[in-house]
Amino acid sequence: MAKKRVVTTTINGDTHEFLCQPRQTLLETLRDVLGLTGTKEGCSNGNCGACTVHLNGRPVDSCLVLGVEVEGAEIRTIEGVACGSHLDEVQEAFLEGAALQCGICTPGFIMQTESLLDENPNPTEDEIRFYLAGNLCRCTGYDKIVRSVQCAAEKRQTANVGDH
């Protein structure tokens, strides 16, 4: 058995130091070592997007990243989206739009949507569908998800107008 490695990284704004096996995925590390179980395991081969997290500001499938690879990195998980008990606009829109059912894919869709809206605050329906194409849902169908992303974009734009 390979020797465990010490990894130091920032997760949701807090510094974490943990031990992990060289072959252990970031997904396994988040869930099993750090107890951050909001990130879900779907396919374990990068095809469903359920385990999407942000690594240095970019969405990645955490099942395809090794825990040892995040040394010194900034990670944001679904647990880092809300501010305390206050949901952010994307979470609110998914809840209001009934864009979730079983919940396995929801954290990945929310993390991917966060990235989309950071890059493109006012995406078209086609842009939304293209950006979310790597995330799979077996329960809701995609129309409610797309409409929720559109609603989240509107909520963010309204919130930003109020900030000025």
C-alpha atoms as a PDB file:
ATOM      1  CA  MET A   1       0.000   0.000   0.000  1.00  0.00           C
ATOM      2  CA  ALA A   2       1.311   3.433  -0.930  1.00  0.00           C
ATOM      3  CA  LYS A   3       2.223   5.864   1.790  1.00  0.00           C
ATOM      4  CA  LYS A   4      -0.365   8.518   2.625  1.00  0.00           C
ATOM      5  CA  ARG A   5       0.500  12.085   1.681  1.00  0.00           C
ATOM      6  CA  VAL A   6      -0.141  15.298   3.586  1.00  0.00           C
ATOM      7  CA  VAL A   7      -2.075  17.822   1.512  1.00  0.00           C
ATOM      8  CA  THR A   8      -2.811  21.426   2.452  1.00  0.00           C
ATOM      9  CA  THR A   9      -5.508  23.255   0.529  1.00  0.00           C
ATOM     10  CA  THR A  10      -8.200  25.900   0.934  1.00  0.00           C
ATOM     11  CA  ILE A  11     -11.768  24.623   0.832  1.00  0.00           C
ATOM     12  CA  ASN A  12     -14.651  27.086   0.948  1.00  0.00           C
ATOM     13  CA  GLY A  13     -12.312  29.747   2.307  1.00  0.00           C
ATOM     14  CA  ASP A  14     -10.834  27.642   5.129  1.00  0.00           C
ATOM     15  CA  THR A  15      -7.391  26.043   5.160  1.00  0.00           C
ATOM     16  CA  HIS A  16      -7.451  22.256   5.491  1.00  0.00           C
ATOM     17  CA  GLU A  17      -4.638  19.790   5.981  1.00  0.00           C
ATOM     18  CA  PHE A  18      -5.400  16.126   5.465  1.00  0.00           C
ATOM     19  CA  LEU A  19      -3.852  12.749   4.716  1.00  0.00           C
ATOM     20  CA  CYS A  20      -4.815  10.850   1.596  1.00  0.00           C
ATOM     21  CA  GLN A  21      -3.643   7.900  -0.450  1.00  0.00           C
ATOM     22  CA  PRO A  22      -1.906   8.851  -3.723  1.00  0.00           C
ATOM     23  CA  ARG A  23      -4.699   7.075  -5.675  1.00  0.00           C
ATOM     24  CA  GLN A  24      -7.590   8.564  -3.663  1.00  0.00           C
ATOM     25  CA  THR A  25      -9.798  10.934  -5.653  1.00  0.00           C
ATOM     26  CA  LEU A  26     -10.701  14.429  -4.566  1.00  0.00           C
ATOM     27  CA  LEU A  27     -14.316  13.211  -4.353  1.00  0.00           C
ATOM     28  CA  GLU A  28     -13.354  10.451  -1.909  1.00  0.00           C
ATOM     29  CA  THR A  29     -11.215  12.874   0.058  1.00  0.00           C
ATOM     30  CA  LEU A  30     -13.976  15.475   0.343  1.00  0.00           C
ATOM     31  CA  ARG A  31     -16.618  12.952   1.391  1.00  0.00           C
ATOM     32  CA  ASP A  32     -14.701  10.332   3.370  1.00  0.00           C
ATOM     33  CA  VAL A  33     -11.795  12.265   4.872  1.00  0.00           C
ATOM     34  CA  LEU A  34     -13.201  15.776   5.318  1.00  0.00           C
ATOM     35  CA  GLY A  35     -16.882  14.925   5.807  1.00  0.00           C
ATOM     36  CA  LEU A  36     -18.059  17.302   3.054  1.00  0.00           C
ATOM     37  CA  THR A  37     -20.811  15.042   1.755  1.00  0.00           C
ATOM     38  CA  GLY A  38     -22.691  17.622  -0.323  1.00  0.00           C
ATOM     39  CA  THR A  39     -20.653  16.686  -3.382  1.00  0.00           C
ATOM     40  CA  LYS A  40     -22.261  13.535  -4.760  1.00  0.00           C
ATOM     41  CA  GLU A  41     -20.848  10.446  -6.426  1.00  0.00           C
ATOM     42  CA  GLY A  42     -22.657   9.541  -9.606  1.00  0.00           C
ATOM     43  CA  CYS A  43     -20.670   7.613 -12.180  1.00  0.00           C
ATOM     44  CA  SER A  44     -17.073   7.815 -10.848  1.00  0.00           C
ATOM     45  CA  ASN A  45     -15.753   8.207 -14.391  1.00  0.00           C
ATOM     46  CA  GLY A  46     -16.408  11.854 -15.303  1.00  0.00           C
ATOM     47  CA  ASN A  47     -19.540  11.338 -17.358  1.00  0.00           C
ATOM     48  CA  CYS A  48     -22.357  12.656 -15.146  1.00  0.00           C
ATOM     49  CA  GLY A  49     -21.134  15.868 -13.459  1.00  0.00           C
ATOM     50  CA  ALA A  50     -22.706  15.038 -10.076  1.00  0.00           C
ATOM     51  CA  CYS A  51     -19.360  15.547  -8.339  1.00  0.00           C
ATOM     52  CA  THR A  52     -18.587  18.963  -9.861  1.00  0.00           C
ATOM     53  CA  VAL A  53     -16.597  21.322  -7.632  1.00  0.00           C
ATOM     54  CA  HIS A  54     -14.584  24.439  -8.414  1.00  0.00           C
ATOM     55  CA  LEU A  55     -10.822  23.964  -8.454  1.00  0.00           C
ATOM     56  CA  ASN A  56      -8.961  27.263  -8.678  1.00  0.00           C
ATOM     57  CA  GLY A  57     -12.129  28.862 -10.019  1.00  0.00           C
ATOM     58  CA  ARG A  58     -12.882  26.288 -12.728  1.00  0.00           C
ATOM     59  CA  PRO A  59     -15.474  23.497 -12.609  1.00  0.00           C
ATOM     60  CA  VAL A  60     -14.000  19.987 -12.470  1.00  0.00           C
ATOM     61  CA  ASP A  61     -15.330  16.501 -11.916  1.00  0.00           C
ATOM     62  CA  SER A  62     -13.846  15.678  -8.526  1.00  0.00           C
ATOM     63  CA  CYS A  63     -13.934  11.957  -9.347  1.00  0.00           C
ATOM     64  CA  LEU A  64     -11.227  12.607 -11.974  1.00  0.00           C
ATOM     65  CA  VAL A  65      -8.888  14.666  -9.776  1.00  0.00           C
ATOM     66  CA  LEU A  66      -6.587  13.030  -7.254  1.00  0.00           C
ATOM     67  CA  GLY A  67      -6.593  14.383  -3.711  1.00  0.00           C
ATOM     68  CA  VAL A  68      -2.818  14.855  -3.827  1.00  0.00           C
ATOM     69  CA  GLU A  69      -3.214  17.100  -6.884  1.00  0.00           C
ATOM     70  CA  VAL A  70      -4.973  19.824  -4.895  1.00  0.00           C
ATOM     71  CA  GLU A  71      -1.930  20.770  -2.826  1.00  0.00           C
ATOM     72  CA  GLY A  72      -2.064  24.564  -2.474  1.00  0.00           C
ATOM     73  CA  ALA A  73      -5.264  24.831  -4.515  1.00  0.00           C
ATOM     74  CA  GLU A  74      -8.503  26.707  -3.841  1.00  0.00           C
ATOM     75  CA  ILE A  75     -11.571  24.472  -3.827  1.00  0.00           C
ATOM     76  CA  ARG A  76     -15.207  25.467  -3.584  1.00  0.00           C
ATOM     77  CA  THR A  77     -17.834  22.822  -2.939  1.00  0.00           C
ATOM     78  CA  ILE A  78     -21.607  23.017  -2.730  1.00  0.00           C
ATOM     79  CA  GLU A  79     -21.201  23.665   1.014  1.00  0.00           C
ATOM     80  CA  GLY A  80     -19.471  26.942   0.116  1.00  0.00           C
ATOM     81  CA  VAL A  81     -22.258  28.336  -2.072  1.00  0.00           C
ATOM     82  CA  ALA A  82     -24.771  29.476   0.549  1.00  0.00           C
ATOM     83  CA  CYS A  83     -23.903  32.191   3.043  1.00  0.00           C
ATOM     84  CA  GLY A  84     -24.905  30.628   6.347  1.00  0.00           C
ATOM     85  CA  SER A  85     -28.600  29.796   6.103  1.00  0.00           C
ATOM     86  CA  HIS A  86     -29.099  32.264   3.215  1.00  0.00           C
ATOM     87  CA  LEU A  87     -29.232  30.486  -0.148  1.00  0.00           C
ATOM     88  CA  ASP A  88     -27.621  32.195  -3.109  1.00  0.00           C
ATOM     89  CA  GLU A  89     -29.592  33.057  -6.263  1.00  0.00           C
ATOM     90  CA  VAL A  90     -28.818  29.799  -8.053  1.00  0.00           C
ATOM     91  CA  GLN A  91     -29.913  27.667  -5.117  1.00  0.00           C
ATOM     92  CA  GLU A  92     -33.085  29.742  -4.696  1.00  0.00           C
ATOM     93  CA  ALA A  93     -33.926  29.448  -8.385  1.00  0.00           C
ATOM     94  CA  PHE A  94     -33.435  25.664  -8.407  1.00  0.00           C
ATOM     95  CA  LEU A  95     -35.665  25.324  -5.352  1.00  0.00           C
ATOM     96  CA  GLU A  96     -38.376  27.670  -6.667  1.00  0.00           C
ATOM     97  CA  GLY A  97     -38.272  26.123 -10.149  1.00  0.00           C
ATOM     98  CA  ALA A  98     -38.514  22.523  -8.884  1.00  0.00           C
ATOM     99  CA  ALA A  99     -35.277  21.748 -10.737  1.00  0.00           C
ATOM    100  CA  LEU A 100     -34.428  18.942  -8.344  1.00  0.00           C
ATOM    101  CA  GLN A 101     -35.916  15.672  -7.283  1.00  0.00           C
ATOM    102  CA  CYS A 102     -33.644  12.936  -5.937  1.00  0.00           C
ATOM    103  CA  GLY A 103     -30.808  15.404  -5.328  1.00  0.00           C
ATOM    104  CA  ILE A 104     -27.877  13.360  -6.641  1.00  0.00           C
ATOM    105  CA  CYS A 105     -27.205  15.643  -9.620  1.00  0.00           C
ATOM    106  CA  THR A 106     -28.283  18.906  -7.986  1.00  0.00           C
ATOM    107  CA  PRO A 107     -24.970  19.950  -6.364  1.00  0.00           C
ATOM    108  CA  GLY A 108     -23.137  19.390  -9.653  1.00  0.00           C
ATOM    109  CA  PHE A 109     -25.705  21.365 -11.622  1.00  0.00           C
ATOM    110  CA  ILE A 110     -25.529  24.217  -9.106  1.00  0.00           C
ATOM    111  CA  MET A 111     -21.730  24.327  -9.188  1.00  0.00           C
ATOM    112  CA  GLN A 112     -21.717  24.237 -13.000  1.00  0.00           C
ATOM    113  CA  THR A 113     -24.384  26.967 -13.121  1.00  0.00           C
ATOM    114  CA  GLU A 114     -22.317  29.118 -10.747  1.00  0.00           C
ATOM    115  CA  SER A 115     -19.424  28.887 -13.209  1.00  0.00           C
ATOM    116  CA  LEU A 116     -21.631  29.611 -16.195  1.00  0.00           C
ATOM    117  CA  LEU A 117     -23.123  32.738 -14.642  1.00  0.00           C
ATOM    118  CA  ASP A 118     -19.696  33.942 -13.523  1.00  0.00           C
ATOM    119  CA  GLU A 119     -18.494  33.666 -17.139  1.00  0.00           C
ATOM    120  CA  ASN A 120     -21.714  34.728 -18.839  1.00  0.00           C
ATOM    121  CA  PRO A 121     -24.217  36.609 -16.645  1.00  0.00           C
ATOM    122  CA  ASN A 122     -26.940  36.558 -19.314  1.00  0.00           C
ATOM    123  CA  PRO A 123     -26.744  33.245 -21.225  1.00  0.00           C
ATOM    124  CA  THR A 124     -29.176  32.201 -23.928  1.00  0.00           C
ATOM    125  CA  GLU A 125     -31.080  28.929 -23.634  1.00  0.00           C
ATOM    126  CA  ASP A 126     -28.683  27.313 -26.133  1.00  0.00           C
ATOM    127  CA  GLU A 127     -25.651  28.525 -24.157  1.00  0.00           C
ATOM    128  CA  ILE A 128     -27.133  27.132 -20.943  1.00  0.00           C
ATOM    129  CA  ARG A 129     -27.847  23.748 -22.529  1.00  0.00           C
ATOM    130  CA  PHE A 130     -24.349  23.603 -24.037  1.00  0.00           C
ATOM    131  CA  TYR A 131     -22.606  24.593 -20.787  1.00  0.00           C
ATOM    132  CA  LEU A 132     -24.577  22.065 -18.733  1.00  0.00           C
ATOM    133  CA  ALA A 133     -24.249  19.248 -21.292  1.00  0.00           C
ATOM    134  CA  GLY A 134     -21.735  17.389 -19.103  1.00  0.00           C
ATOM    135  CA  ASN A 135     -24.218  17.136 -16.227  1.00  0.00           C
ATOM    136  CA  LEU A 136     -26.829  14.399 -16.322  1.00  0.00           C
ATOM    137  CA  CYS A 137     -30.194  14.192 -14.580  1.00  0.00           C
ATOM    138  CA  ARG A 138     -32.361  11.111 -14.566  1.00  0.00           C
ATOM    139  CA  CYS A 139     -35.338  12.585 -12.687  1.00  0.00           C
ATOM    140  CA  THR A 140     -36.388  16.102 -13.632  1.00  0.00           C
ATOM    141  CA  GLY A 141     -35.694  16.365 -17.308  1.00  0.00           C
ATOM    142  CA  TYR A 142     -33.778  19.433 -18.333  1.00  0.00           C
ATOM    143  CA  ASP A 143     -36.438  22.074 -18.986  1.00  0.00           C
ATOM    144  CA  LYS A 144     -36.921  22.903 -15.290  1.00  0.00           C
ATOM    145  CA  ILE A 145     -33.163  23.093 -14.840  1.00  0.00           C
ATOM    146  CA  VAL A 146     -32.724  25.422 -17.832  1.00  0.00           C
ATOM    147  CA  ARG A 147     -35.584  27.647 -16.666  1.00  0.00           C
ATOM    148  CA  SER A 148     -34.052  27.750 -13.185  1.00  0.00           C
ATOM    149  CA  VAL A 149     -30.701  28.845 -14.622  1.00  0.00           C
ATOM    150  CA  GLN A 150     -32.475  31.618 -16.545  1.00  0.00           C
ATOM    151  CA  CYS A 151     -34.253  32.668 -13.341  1.00  0.00           C
ATOM    152  CA  ALA A 152     -30.949  32.646 -11.409  1.00  0.00           C
ATOM    153  CA  ALA A 153     -29.387  34.882 -14.071  1.00  0.00           C
ATOM    154  CA  GLU A 154     -32.279  37.337 -13.706  1.00  0.00           C
ATOM    155  CA  LYS A 155     -32.006  37.253  -9.895  1.00  0.00           C
ATOM    156  CA  ARG A 156     -28.284  38.012 -10.082  1.00  0.00           C
ATOM    157  CA  GLN A 157     -28.781  40.863 -12.516  1.00  0.00           C
ATOM    158  CA  THR A 158     -31.496  42.353 -10.301  1.00  0.00           C
ATOM    159  CA  ALA A 159     -29.282  41.980  -7.221  1.00  0.00           C
ATOM    160  CA  ASN A 160     -26.348  43.614  -9.015  1.00  0.00           C
ATOM    161  CA  VAL A 161     -28.492  46.563 -10.136  1.00  0.00           C
ATOM    162  CA  GLY A 162     -29.535  47.069  -6.503  1.00  0.00           C
ATOM    163  CA  ASP A 163     -25.871  47.066  -5.407  1.00  0.00           C
ATOM    164  CA  HIS A 164     -25.014  50.142  -7.481  1.00  0.00           C
END
